[in-house]
Amino acid sequence: MKCMAILLTCLMVSCAGPTLVRVEYGYGEPVYAADYLNTNGGSGQPIDLHYGSVKLGKTMWESEVEEPTEAPAGVDLFIGGFAAMPIAHESNNLYGFVVTPRFRYPVKAGVDYFVAPDLGLAWGDWNEQGGEFNFLVGGQTGFLIEMSANTSISLSTGLFHISNAGVVKNNPGYNADLFMVGFEVKFGEDDE
C-alpha cells in the first residue's frame, strides 16, 4: 500500500498543471439507527466522529465556461490520508488512504460548485467492524470559494461509509453524514 501511495504521488507531481494542497475537517453524525453501534454491553450509544484529511492534488483538466462566468470548469485528482476519530466512544481511531476526483463548475466569479467522490482503504481497531482492515466509500458536494489567486476555502456536506466488504464475517458497516470545511492552496499555476 505504501508503494502505491508513493507511485501515485510521483505520478501526480510529474503531471502538468497546478499542484493543490488541501486540508479538510468534518464533523459527522450516524445516518441509521444501526449506526448507533451496540458497544459497552449493548448501550447502543451513537458514534459521532471528527474527520480530517490532508490531500495532494493536481488539476487534470480545465475548460473555460462562458456562461454564467468566464471561469474554468475542471477536474482535479487528489490523493491523501485521513483520520476518523470517534467522539466519546471507546473505539480507537481509524486511519487510511483515499483517492478523490473532484469535478467543479463555476456558478459565479470566484465560486465553484463541486462533487468529489472518495474511495479508500482504512485500518484501525473499530471493534464493531469485525477487523482492522476496512474500505471507505463516500464523497462530498459543496462550494469552493476563491479567497485569492492561490487560496480557497470550501463548505460542503458529505457521506462517510466504512465496511470490511465481507472480508470478515462480522460486517455491520458504519455511515455518517458529514459537514465539512476545507482550505486549499494552489502552487505552480501555469502561465497562460
N, C-alpha and C. Protein backbone atom coordinates (compact mmCIF):
# COMPACT_ATOMS: atom_id res chain seq x y z
N MET A 1 0.83 -1.19 0.00
CA MET A 1 0.00 0.00 0.00
C MET A 1 0.87 1.25 0.00
N LYS A 2 1.99 1.25 0.74
CA LYS A 2 2.87 2.41 0.75
C LYS A 2 3.47 2.64 -0.63
N CYS A 3 3.82 1.55 -1.33
CA CYS A 3 4.38 1.69 -2.68
C CYS A 3 3.36 2.33 -3.62
N MET A 4 2.09 1.94 -3.47
CA MET A 4 1.04 2.52 -4.32
C MET A 4 0.91 4.01 -4.06
N ALA A 5 0.95 4.41 -2.79
CA ALA A 5 0.84 5.83 -2.45
C ALA A 5 2.03 6.61 -3.00
N ILE A 6 3.22 6.06 -2.92
CA ILE A 6 4.42 6.73 -3.44
C ILE A 6 4.32 6.86 -4.96
N LEU A 7 3.89 5.80 -5.63
CA LEU A 7 3.76 5.82 -7.09
C LEU A 7 2.73 6.86 -7.54
N LEU A 8 1.57 6.89 -6.89
CA LEU A 8 0.54 7.88 -7.25
C LEU A 8 1.02 9.30 -6.99
N THR A 9 1.72 9.51 -5.89
CA THR A 9 2.25 10.85 -5.58
C THR A 9 3.25 11.29 -6.64
N CYS A 10 4.18 10.42 -7.03
CA CYS A 10 5.16 10.76 -8.07
C CYS A 10 4.47 11.05 -9.41
N LEU A 11 3.45 10.26 -9.75
CA LEU A 11 2.72 10.48 -10.99
C LEU A 11 2.04 11.84 -10.98
N MET A 12 1.42 12.19 -9.87
CA MET A 12 0.71 13.46 -9.79
C MET A 12 1.66 14.65 -9.83
N VAL A 13 2.78 14.55 -9.15
CA VAL A 13 3.74 15.67 -9.12
C VAL A 13 4.31 15.91 -10.51
N SER A 14 4.47 14.83 -11.30
CA SER A 14 5.05 14.99 -12.64
C SER A 14 4.04 15.47 -13.68
N CYS A 15 2.75 15.42 -13.40
CA CYS A 15 1.73 15.88 -14.36
C CYS A 15 1.76 17.40 -14.50
N ALA A 16 1.38 17.87 -15.69
CA ALA A 16 1.28 19.31 -15.92
C ALA A 16 0.11 19.86 -15.12
N GLY A 17 0.11 21.16 -14.93
CA GLY A 17 -0.98 21.80 -14.20
C GLY A 17 -0.57 22.12 -12.78
N PRO A 18 -1.35 22.98 -12.14
CA PRO A 18 -1.00 23.39 -10.78
C PRO A 18 -1.14 22.24 -9.78
N THR A 19 -0.31 22.30 -8.74
CA THR A 19 -0.38 21.35 -7.64
C THR A 19 -1.26 21.96 -6.55
N LEU A 20 -2.11 21.14 -5.97
CA LEU A 20 -3.05 21.59 -4.95
C LEU A 20 -2.75 20.87 -3.63
N VAL A 21 -2.77 21.60 -2.54
CA VAL A 21 -2.67 21.01 -1.22
C VAL A 21 -3.96 21.37 -0.49
N ARG A 22 -4.64 20.35 0.02
CA ARG A 22 -5.96 20.53 0.61
C ARG A 22 -6.00 19.93 2.01
N VAL A 23 -6.55 20.69 2.96
CA VAL A 23 -6.76 20.22 4.33
C VAL A 23 -8.24 20.34 4.61
N GLU A 24 -8.84 19.26 5.17
CA GLU A 24 -10.28 19.25 5.43
C GLU A 24 -10.55 18.81 6.86
N TYR A 25 -11.62 19.36 7.41
CA TYR A 25 -12.13 18.90 8.71
C TYR A 25 -13.63 18.67 8.57
N GLY A 26 -14.11 17.61 9.16
CA GLY A 26 -15.54 17.33 9.13
C GLY A 26 -16.03 16.81 10.46
N TYR A 27 -17.29 17.09 10.74
CA TYR A 27 -17.97 16.55 11.91
C TYR A 27 -19.10 15.68 11.39
N GLY A 28 -19.20 14.45 11.90
CA GLY A 28 -20.21 13.54 11.39
C GLY A 28 -21.10 12.96 12.46
N GLU A 29 -22.33 12.68 12.07
CA GLU A 29 -23.31 12.02 12.93
C GLU A 29 -23.82 10.78 12.21
N PRO A 30 -24.18 9.72 12.97
CA PRO A 30 -24.66 8.48 12.33
C PRO A 30 -25.91 8.74 11.49
N VAL A 31 -26.03 7.97 10.41
CA VAL A 31 -27.16 8.10 9.49
C VAL A 31 -28.33 7.22 9.93
N TYR A 32 -28.06 5.96 10.22
CA TYR A 32 -29.11 4.99 10.51
C TYR A 32 -29.08 4.57 11.97
N ALA A 33 -30.20 4.05 12.46
CA ALA A 33 -30.24 3.52 13.82
C ALA A 33 -29.21 2.41 14.00
N ALA A 34 -28.94 1.66 12.94
CA ALA A 34 -27.94 0.59 13.02
C ALA A 34 -26.54 1.13 13.27
N ASP A 35 -26.33 2.41 12.99
CA ASP A 35 -25.02 3.01 13.22
C ASP A 35 -24.86 3.46 14.68
N TYR A 36 -25.91 3.33 15.47
CA TYR A 36 -25.79 3.52 16.91
C TYR A 36 -25.32 2.17 17.44
N LEU A 37 -24.04 1.92 17.24
CA LEU A 37 -23.49 0.58 17.40
C LEU A 37 -23.59 0.08 18.83
N ASN A 38 -23.87 -1.20 18.95
CA ASN A 38 -24.03 -1.83 20.26
C ASN A 38 -22.66 -2.12 20.87
N THR A 39 -22.26 -1.27 21.77
CA THR A 39 -20.99 -1.43 22.47
C THR A 39 -21.25 -1.26 23.95
N ASN A 40 -20.25 -1.48 24.75
CA ASN A 40 -20.36 -1.32 26.20
C ASN A 40 -21.56 -2.07 26.74
N GLY A 41 -21.68 -3.35 26.38
CA GLY A 41 -22.78 -4.16 26.88
C GLY A 41 -24.10 -3.85 26.22
N GLY A 42 -24.06 -3.36 25.01
CA GLY A 42 -25.31 -3.13 24.27
C GLY A 42 -25.94 -1.78 24.56
N SER A 43 -25.15 -0.78 24.92
CA SER A 43 -25.72 0.53 25.24
C SER A 43 -26.28 1.23 24.02
N GLY A 44 -25.78 0.89 22.84
CA GLY A 44 -26.30 1.48 21.61
C GLY A 44 -26.12 2.98 21.53
N GLN A 45 -25.02 3.50 22.05
CA GLN A 45 -24.75 4.93 22.01
C GLN A 45 -24.36 5.35 20.59
N PRO A 46 -24.78 6.53 20.15
CA PRO A 46 -24.38 6.99 18.81
C PRO A 46 -22.89 7.28 18.77
N ILE A 47 -22.30 7.04 17.61
CA ILE A 47 -20.88 7.33 17.44
C ILE A 47 -20.75 8.51 16.50
N ASP A 48 -20.67 9.72 17.05
CA ASP A 48 -20.35 10.90 16.26
C ASP A 48 -18.85 10.84 16.00
N LEU A 49 -18.38 11.53 14.99
CA LEU A 49 -16.95 11.48 14.73
C LEU A 49 -16.41 12.79 14.19
N HIS A 50 -15.12 12.97 14.42
CA HIS A 50 -14.34 14.02 13.77
C HIS A 50 -13.63 13.35 12.60
N TYR A 51 -13.59 14.04 11.46
CA TYR A 51 -12.93 13.51 10.27
C TYR A 51 -11.95 14.57 9.79
N GLY A 52 -10.72 14.17 9.51
CA GLY A 52 -9.73 15.10 9.00
C GLY A 52 -8.95 14.47 7.87
N SER A 53 -8.54 15.26 6.90
CA SER A 53 -7.73 14.73 5.81
C SER A 53 -6.75 15.78 5.31
N VAL A 54 -5.65 15.29 4.79
CA VAL A 54 -4.66 16.11 4.10
C VAL A 54 -4.44 15.44 2.75
N LYS A 55 -4.61 16.22 1.67
CA LYS A 55 -4.54 15.65 0.33
C LYS A 55 -3.65 16.48 -0.58
N LEU A 56 -2.96 15.79 -1.47
CA LEU A 56 -2.16 16.40 -2.51
C LEU A 56 -2.90 16.19 -3.82
N GLY A 57 -3.03 17.23 -4.64
CA GLY A 57 -3.80 17.10 -5.86
C GLY A 57 -3.19 17.79 -7.05
N LYS A 58 -3.76 17.48 -8.19
CA LYS A 58 -3.37 18.10 -9.46
C LYS A 58 -4.63 18.44 -10.24
N THR A 59 -4.59 19.56 -10.93
CA THR A 59 -5.66 19.88 -11.88
C THR A 59 -5.36 19.08 -13.13
N MET A 60 -6.26 18.16 -13.47
CA MET A 60 -6.04 17.27 -14.61
C MET A 60 -6.62 17.84 -15.91
N TRP A 61 -7.67 18.65 -15.79
CA TRP A 61 -8.33 19.19 -16.98
C TRP A 61 -9.08 20.45 -16.60
N GLU A 62 -9.04 21.46 -17.47
CA GLU A 62 -9.83 22.68 -17.29
C GLU A 62 -10.32 23.17 -18.65
N SER A 63 -11.49 23.80 -18.64
CA SER A 63 -12.06 24.37 -19.86
C SER A 63 -12.84 25.62 -19.48
N GLU A 64 -12.62 26.69 -20.20
CA GLU A 64 -13.33 27.93 -19.90
C GLU A 64 -14.83 27.77 -20.13
N VAL A 65 -15.61 28.35 -19.24
CA VAL A 65 -17.07 28.34 -19.34
C VAL A 65 -17.51 29.78 -19.56
N GLU A 66 -18.20 30.03 -20.66
CA GLU A 66 -18.59 31.41 -20.97
C GLU A 66 -19.75 31.90 -20.13
N GLU A 67 -20.71 31.04 -19.83
CA GLU A 67 -21.87 31.43 -19.03
C GLU A 67 -21.94 30.57 -17.80
N PRO A 68 -22.17 31.03 -16.63
CA PRO A 68 -22.50 32.40 -16.23
C PRO A 68 -21.26 33.27 -16.00
N THR A 69 -20.09 32.67 -16.05
CA THR A 69 -18.87 33.42 -15.80
C THR A 69 -17.77 32.89 -16.71
N GLU A 70 -16.71 33.61 -16.84
CA GLU A 70 -15.60 33.18 -17.70
C GLU A 70 -14.59 32.33 -16.96
N ALA A 71 -14.95 31.80 -15.80
CA ALA A 71 -14.06 30.95 -15.01
C ALA A 71 -14.03 29.53 -15.59
N PRO A 72 -12.96 28.77 -15.29
CA PRO A 72 -12.88 27.42 -15.84
C PRO A 72 -13.63 26.37 -15.02
N ALA A 73 -14.24 25.43 -15.73
CA ALA A 73 -14.71 24.19 -15.11
C ALA A 73 -13.53 23.25 -15.13
N GLY A 74 -13.50 22.26 -14.26
CA GLY A 74 -12.34 21.40 -14.28
C GLY A 74 -12.50 20.12 -13.49
N VAL A 75 -11.47 19.29 -13.62
CA VAL A 75 -11.37 18.04 -12.88
C VAL A 75 -10.03 18.05 -12.17
N ASP A 76 -10.07 17.82 -10.86
CA ASP A 76 -8.86 17.72 -10.05
C ASP A 76 -8.80 16.31 -9.48
N LEU A 77 -7.60 15.81 -9.28
CA LEU A 77 -7.43 14.49 -8.67
C LEU A 77 -6.58 14.64 -7.42
N PHE A 78 -7.09 14.14 -6.30
CA PHE A 78 -6.40 14.22 -5.02
C PHE A 78 -6.08 12.83 -4.50
N ILE A 79 -4.95 12.69 -3.82
CA ILE A 79 -4.64 11.51 -3.03
C ILE A 79 -4.19 12.00 -1.66
N GLY A 80 -4.44 11.22 -0.65
CA GLY A 80 -4.01 11.66 0.66
C GLY A 80 -4.40 10.71 1.76
N GLY A 81 -4.21 11.17 2.96
CA GLY A 81 -4.53 10.38 4.13
C GLY A 81 -5.67 10.99 4.90
N PHE A 82 -6.35 10.16 5.70
CA PHE A 82 -7.43 10.66 6.53
C PHE A 82 -7.39 9.98 7.89
N ALA A 83 -8.06 10.60 8.85
CA ALA A 83 -8.26 10.02 10.17
C ALA A 83 -9.71 10.27 10.57
N ALA A 84 -10.34 9.26 11.14
CA ALA A 84 -11.69 9.39 11.68
C ALA A 84 -11.61 9.05 13.16
N MET A 85 -12.03 10.00 14.00
CA MET A 85 -11.89 9.83 15.44
C MET A 85 -13.25 9.86 16.10
N PRO A 86 -13.69 8.73 16.69
CA PRO A 86 -14.98 8.72 17.38
C PRO A 86 -15.00 9.68 18.56
N ILE A 87 -16.14 10.29 18.81
CA ILE A 87 -16.30 11.21 19.93
C ILE A 87 -16.95 10.46 21.08
N ALA A 88 -16.35 10.52 22.26
CA ALA A 88 -16.90 9.92 23.47
C ALA A 88 -17.28 8.47 23.27
N HIS A 89 -16.35 7.71 22.72
CA HIS A 89 -16.60 6.29 22.46
C HIS A 89 -15.30 5.54 22.68
N GLU A 90 -15.39 4.27 23.04
CA GLU A 90 -14.19 3.51 23.35
C GLU A 90 -13.47 2.96 22.13
N SER A 91 -14.01 3.11 20.94
CA SER A 91 -13.31 2.64 19.74
C SER A 91 -12.06 3.48 19.51
N ASN A 92 -11.09 2.86 18.88
CA ASN A 92 -9.88 3.57 18.50
C ASN A 92 -10.12 4.39 17.25
N ASN A 93 -9.14 5.19 16.89
CA ASN A 93 -9.23 5.98 15.66
C ASN A 93 -9.10 5.07 14.44
N LEU A 94 -9.56 5.56 13.32
CA LEU A 94 -9.46 4.86 12.05
C LEU A 94 -8.61 5.74 11.13
N TYR A 95 -7.64 5.14 10.46
CA TYR A 95 -6.74 5.87 9.57
C TYR A 95 -6.80 5.24 8.19
N GLY A 96 -6.47 6.03 7.17
CA GLY A 96 -6.50 5.44 5.85
C GLY A 96 -5.94 6.32 4.76
N PHE A 97 -6.06 5.79 3.56
CA PHE A 97 -5.57 6.38 2.32
C PHE A 97 -6.77 6.55 1.40
N VAL A 98 -6.89 7.69 0.76
CA VAL A 98 -8.07 7.95 -0.06
C VAL A 98 -7.67 8.59 -1.39
N VAL A 99 -8.42 8.25 -2.44
CA VAL A 99 -8.28 8.86 -3.77
C VAL A 99 -9.59 9.59 -4.04
N THR A 100 -9.49 10.85 -4.44
CA THR A 100 -10.67 11.69 -4.63
C THR A 100 -10.60 12.47 -5.94
N PRO A 101 -11.38 12.10 -6.95
CA PRO A 101 -11.53 13.00 -8.10
C PRO A 101 -12.55 14.09 -7.73
N ARG A 102 -12.29 15.31 -8.15
CA ARG A 102 -13.23 16.40 -7.87
C ARG A 102 -13.63 17.05 -9.18
N PHE A 103 -14.93 17.15 -9.39
CA PHE A 103 -15.49 17.78 -10.58
C PHE A 103 -16.06 19.13 -10.15
N ARG A 104 -15.59 20.21 -10.79
CA ARG A 104 -16.04 21.54 -10.37
C ARG A 104 -16.56 22.33 -11.56
N TYR A 105 -17.56 23.18 -11.25
CA TYR A 105 -18.19 24.00 -12.29
C TYR A 105 -18.46 25.38 -11.68
N PRO A 106 -18.06 26.47 -12.37
CA PRO A 106 -18.26 27.80 -11.80
C PRO A 106 -19.74 28.20 -11.80
N VAL A 107 -20.19 28.76 -10.67
CA VAL A 107 -21.56 29.27 -10.61
C VAL A 107 -21.58 30.79 -10.64
N LYS A 108 -20.47 31.41 -10.24
CA LYS A 108 -20.26 32.85 -10.38
C LYS A 108 -18.78 33.10 -10.17
N ALA A 109 -18.33 34.30 -10.44
CA ALA A 109 -16.91 34.61 -10.33
C ALA A 109 -16.40 34.28 -8.92
N GLY A 110 -15.40 33.42 -8.85
CA GLY A 110 -14.79 33.07 -7.58
C GLY A 110 -15.50 31.99 -6.78
N VAL A 111 -16.58 31.42 -7.31
CA VAL A 111 -17.33 30.37 -6.60
C VAL A 111 -17.59 29.21 -7.55
N ASP A 112 -17.12 28.02 -7.17
CA ASP A 112 -17.36 26.80 -7.94
C ASP A 112 -18.22 25.85 -7.13
N TYR A 113 -19.14 25.17 -7.80
CA TYR A 113 -19.87 24.06 -7.21
C TYR A 113 -19.04 22.82 -7.49
N PHE A 114 -18.93 21.90 -6.54
CA PHE A 114 -18.16 20.69 -6.80
C PHE A 114 -18.82 19.44 -6.25
N VAL A 115 -18.46 18.32 -6.86
CA VAL A 115 -18.81 16.98 -6.41
C VAL A 115 -17.51 16.21 -6.34
N ALA A 116 -17.27 15.52 -5.22
CA ALA A 116 -15.99 14.83 -5.02
C ALA A 116 -16.21 13.48 -4.34
N PRO A 117 -16.29 12.38 -5.13
CA PRO A 117 -16.42 11.06 -4.53
C PRO A 117 -15.09 10.60 -3.92
N ASP A 118 -15.16 9.83 -2.84
CA ASP A 118 -13.97 9.29 -2.18
C ASP A 118 -13.98 7.77 -2.27
N LEU A 119 -12.81 7.19 -2.46
CA LEU A 119 -12.63 5.74 -2.43
C LEU A 119 -11.31 5.48 -1.73
N GLY A 120 -11.33 4.64 -0.71
CA GLY A 120 -10.09 4.44 0.01
C GLY A 120 -10.02 3.16 0.81
N LEU A 121 -8.89 2.98 1.45
CA LEU A 121 -8.61 1.86 2.33
C LEU A 121 -8.41 2.41 3.73
N ALA A 122 -8.89 1.69 4.72
CA ALA A 122 -8.80 2.16 6.10
C ALA A 122 -8.34 1.03 7.01
N TRP A 123 -7.65 1.41 8.06
CA TRP A 123 -7.27 0.43 9.06
C TRP A 123 -7.39 1.05 10.44
N GLY A 124 -7.64 0.22 11.39
CA GLY A 124 -7.81 0.65 12.77
C GLY A 124 -8.72 -0.33 13.48
N ASP A 125 -8.67 -0.34 14.76
CA ASP A 125 -9.41 -1.33 15.53
C ASP A 125 -10.76 -0.78 15.96
N TRP A 126 -11.68 -0.69 15.01
CA TRP A 126 -13.07 -0.38 15.34
C TRP A 126 -13.72 -1.72 15.59
N ASN A 127 -13.90 -2.09 16.83
CA ASN A 127 -14.39 -3.43 17.18
C ASN A 127 -15.67 -3.78 16.44
N GLU A 128 -16.51 -2.81 16.20
CA GLU A 128 -17.79 -3.05 15.55
C GLU A 128 -17.62 -3.56 14.12
N GLN A 129 -16.48 -3.30 13.49
CA GLN A 129 -16.29 -3.69 12.10
C GLN A 129 -15.78 -5.12 11.95
N GLY A 130 -15.41 -5.77 13.02
CA GLY A 130 -15.00 -7.17 12.94
C GLY A 130 -13.59 -7.37 12.44
N GLY A 131 -12.86 -6.36 12.18
CA GLY A 131 -11.49 -6.50 11.70
C GLY A 131 -10.82 -5.14 11.60
N GLU A 132 -9.49 -5.16 11.45
CA GLU A 132 -8.75 -3.90 11.39
C GLU A 132 -8.71 -3.30 10.00
N PHE A 133 -8.98 -4.09 8.95
CA PHE A 133 -8.90 -3.62 7.58
C PHE A 133 -10.31 -3.32 7.06
N ASN A 134 -10.53 -2.12 6.54
CA ASN A 134 -11.84 -1.71 6.03
C ASN A 134 -11.69 -0.92 4.74
N PHE A 135 -12.80 -0.70 4.08
CA PHE A 135 -12.85 0.12 2.88
C PHE A 135 -13.65 1.38 3.20
N LEU A 136 -13.31 2.47 2.54
CA LEU A 136 -14.04 3.72 2.69
C LEU A 136 -14.65 4.08 1.34
N VAL A 137 -15.93 4.38 1.36
CA VAL A 137 -16.62 4.92 0.18
C VAL A 137 -17.40 6.12 0.69
N GLY A 138 -17.33 7.19 -0.02
CA GLY A 138 -18.05 8.37 0.42
C GLY A 138 -17.91 9.48 -0.60
N GLY A 139 -18.06 10.67 -0.12
CA GLY A 139 -17.91 11.81 -1.00
C GLY A 139 -18.56 13.03 -0.42
N GLN A 140 -18.42 14.11 -1.14
CA GLN A 140 -18.97 15.37 -0.68
C GLN A 140 -19.41 16.23 -1.86
N THR A 141 -20.28 17.16 -1.56
CA THR A 141 -20.71 18.13 -2.55
C THR A 141 -20.81 19.48 -1.84
N GLY A 142 -20.41 20.53 -2.52
CA GLY A 142 -20.44 21.83 -1.88
C GLY A 142 -19.89 22.91 -2.77
N PHE A 143 -19.37 23.95 -2.13
CA PHE A 143 -18.88 25.12 -2.85
C PHE A 143 -17.43 25.41 -2.50
N LEU A 144 -16.64 25.73 -3.53
CA LEU A 144 -15.25 26.13 -3.38
C LEU A 144 -15.21 27.64 -3.62
N ILE A 145 -14.76 28.38 -2.62
CA ILE A 145 -14.80 29.85 -2.67
C ILE A 145 -13.38 30.38 -2.72
N GLU A 146 -13.07 31.10 -3.81
CA GLU A 146 -11.72 31.65 -4.00
C GLU A 146 -11.50 32.82 -3.06
N MET A 147 -10.43 32.74 -2.25
CA MET A 147 -10.08 33.83 -1.35
C MET A 147 -9.01 34.74 -1.97
N SER A 148 -8.13 34.17 -2.76
CA SER A 148 -7.12 34.92 -3.51
C SER A 148 -6.77 34.07 -4.73
N ALA A 149 -5.80 34.50 -5.51
CA ALA A 149 -5.44 33.76 -6.73
C ALA A 149 -4.98 32.34 -6.42
N ASN A 150 -4.43 32.11 -5.23
CA ASN A 150 -3.88 30.79 -4.90
C ASN A 150 -4.49 30.11 -3.68
N THR A 151 -5.49 30.70 -3.05
CA THR A 151 -6.10 30.07 -1.88
C THR A 151 -7.62 30.05 -2.01
N SER A 152 -8.20 28.98 -1.48
CA SER A 152 -9.65 28.81 -1.50
C SER A 152 -10.09 28.14 -0.21
N ILE A 153 -11.35 28.35 0.14
CA ILE A 153 -11.97 27.59 1.22
C ILE A 153 -13.17 26.86 0.63
N SER A 154 -13.59 25.81 1.32
CA SER A 154 -14.77 25.09 0.84
C SER A 154 -15.71 24.81 1.99
N LEU A 155 -16.98 24.76 1.67
CA LEU A 155 -18.04 24.37 2.59
C LEU A 155 -18.82 23.27 1.88
N SER A 156 -19.00 22.13 2.56
CA SER A 156 -19.64 21.01 1.89
C SER A 156 -20.33 20.08 2.87
N THR A 157 -21.17 19.23 2.33
CA THR A 157 -21.76 18.13 3.09
C THR A 157 -21.33 16.85 2.40
N GLY A 158 -21.31 15.77 3.17
CA GLY A 158 -20.85 14.53 2.57
C GLY A 158 -21.36 13.31 3.30
N LEU A 159 -20.96 12.17 2.80
CA LEU A 159 -21.29 10.89 3.39
C LEU A 159 -20.00 10.10 3.60
N PHE A 160 -19.89 9.47 4.76
CA PHE A 160 -18.73 8.67 5.14
C PHE A 160 -19.25 7.26 5.40
N HIS A 161 -18.76 6.27 4.67
CA HIS A 161 -19.17 4.88 4.87
C HIS A 161 -17.93 4.00 4.98
N ILE A 162 -17.86 3.21 6.03
CA ILE A 162 -16.80 2.21 6.12
C ILE A 162 -17.43 0.84 6.30
N SER A 163 -16.74 -0.14 5.75
CA SER A 163 -17.21 -1.52 5.81
C SER A 163 -16.02 -2.40 5.46
N ASN A 164 -16.02 -3.65 5.96
CA ASN A 164 -14.93 -4.54 5.56
C ASN A 164 -15.29 -5.35 4.32
N ALA A 165 -16.43 -5.05 3.69
CA ALA A 165 -16.86 -5.66 2.43
C ALA A 165 -16.96 -7.18 2.51
N GLY A 166 -17.26 -7.69 3.70
CA GLY A 166 -17.41 -9.13 3.86
C GLY A 166 -16.12 -9.91 4.00
N VAL A 167 -14.98 -9.21 4.11
CA VAL A 167 -13.71 -9.89 4.31
C VAL A 167 -13.73 -10.66 5.64
N VAL A 168 -14.39 -10.09 6.64
CA VAL A 168 -14.59 -10.73 7.93
C VAL A 168 -16.10 -10.93 8.10
N LYS A 169 -16.48 -12.02 8.73
CA LYS A 169 -17.91 -12.35 8.84
C LYS A 169 -18.72 -11.23 9.48
N ASN A 170 -18.23 -10.64 10.56
CA ASN A 170 -18.93 -9.53 11.21
C ASN A 170 -18.67 -8.26 10.39
N ASN A 171 -19.70 -7.75 9.72
CA ASN A 171 -19.53 -6.62 8.82
C ASN A 171 -20.75 -5.68 8.90
N PRO A 172 -20.93 -5.01 10.04
CA PRO A 172 -22.11 -4.15 10.14
C PRO A 172 -22.01 -2.86 9.34
N GLY A 173 -20.81 -2.39 9.04
CA GLY A 173 -20.64 -1.12 8.34
C GLY A 173 -20.97 0.06 9.25
N TYR A 174 -20.62 1.24 8.80
CA TYR A 174 -20.91 2.46 9.55
C TYR A 174 -21.09 3.58 8.56
N ASN A 175 -22.13 4.39 8.76
CA ASN A 175 -22.43 5.51 7.86
C ASN A 175 -22.60 6.78 8.67
N ALA A 176 -22.05 7.87 8.20
CA ALA A 176 -22.22 9.16 8.87
C ALA A 176 -22.41 10.26 7.84
N ASP A 177 -23.30 11.19 8.16
CA ASP A 177 -23.40 12.43 7.40
C ASP A 177 -22.32 13.36 7.92
N LEU A 178 -21.65 14.07 7.03
CA LEU A 178 -20.58 14.98 7.43
C LEU A 178 -20.90 16.41 7.02
N PHE A 179 -20.52 17.35 7.86
CA PHE A 179 -20.45 18.75 7.47
C PHE A 179 -18.96 19.06 7.44
N MET A 180 -18.46 19.59 6.32
CA MET A 180 -17.02 19.76 6.16
C MET A 180 -16.63 21.19 5.77
N VAL A 181 -15.47 21.58 6.25
CA VAL A 181 -14.83 22.82 5.82
C VAL A 181 -13.43 22.45 5.34
N GLY A 182 -12.96 23.16 4.34
CA GLY A 182 -11.65 22.87 3.79
C GLY A 182 -10.89 24.13 3.46
N PHE A 183 -9.58 23.98 3.37
CA PHE A 183 -8.68 25.07 2.98
C PHE A 183 -7.75 24.50 1.93
N GLU A 184 -7.56 25.25 0.85
CA GLU A 184 -6.77 24.75 -0.27
C GLU A 184 -5.79 25.81 -0.76
N VAL A 185 -4.57 25.36 -1.07
CA VAL A 185 -3.54 26.24 -1.61
C VAL A 185 -3.09 25.67 -2.95
N LYS A 186 -2.93 26.56 -3.94
CA LYS A 186 -2.51 26.17 -5.28
C LYS A 186 -1.08 26.65 -5.51
N PHE A 187 -0.21 25.74 -6.01
CA PHE A 187 1.17 26.06 -6.32
C PHE A 187 1.44 25.80 -7.79
N GLY A 188 2.34 26.61 -8.40
CA GLY A 188 2.77 26.34 -9.76
C GLY A 188 1.72 26.56 -10.82
N GLU A 189 0.94 27.60 -10.68
CA GLU A 189 -0.07 27.94 -11.69
C GLU A 189 0.60 28.09 -13.03
N ASP A 190 0.03 27.42 -14.05
CA ASP A 190 0.60 27.53 -15.40
C ASP A 190 0.47 28.94 -15.92
N ASP A 191 1.50 29.43 -16.60
CA ASP A 191 1.42 30.74 -17.24
C ASP A 191 0.60 30.60 -18.51
N GLU A 192 -0.27 31.56 -18.75
CA GLU A 192 -1.12 31.48 -19.94
C GLU A 192 -0.61 32.39 -21.01
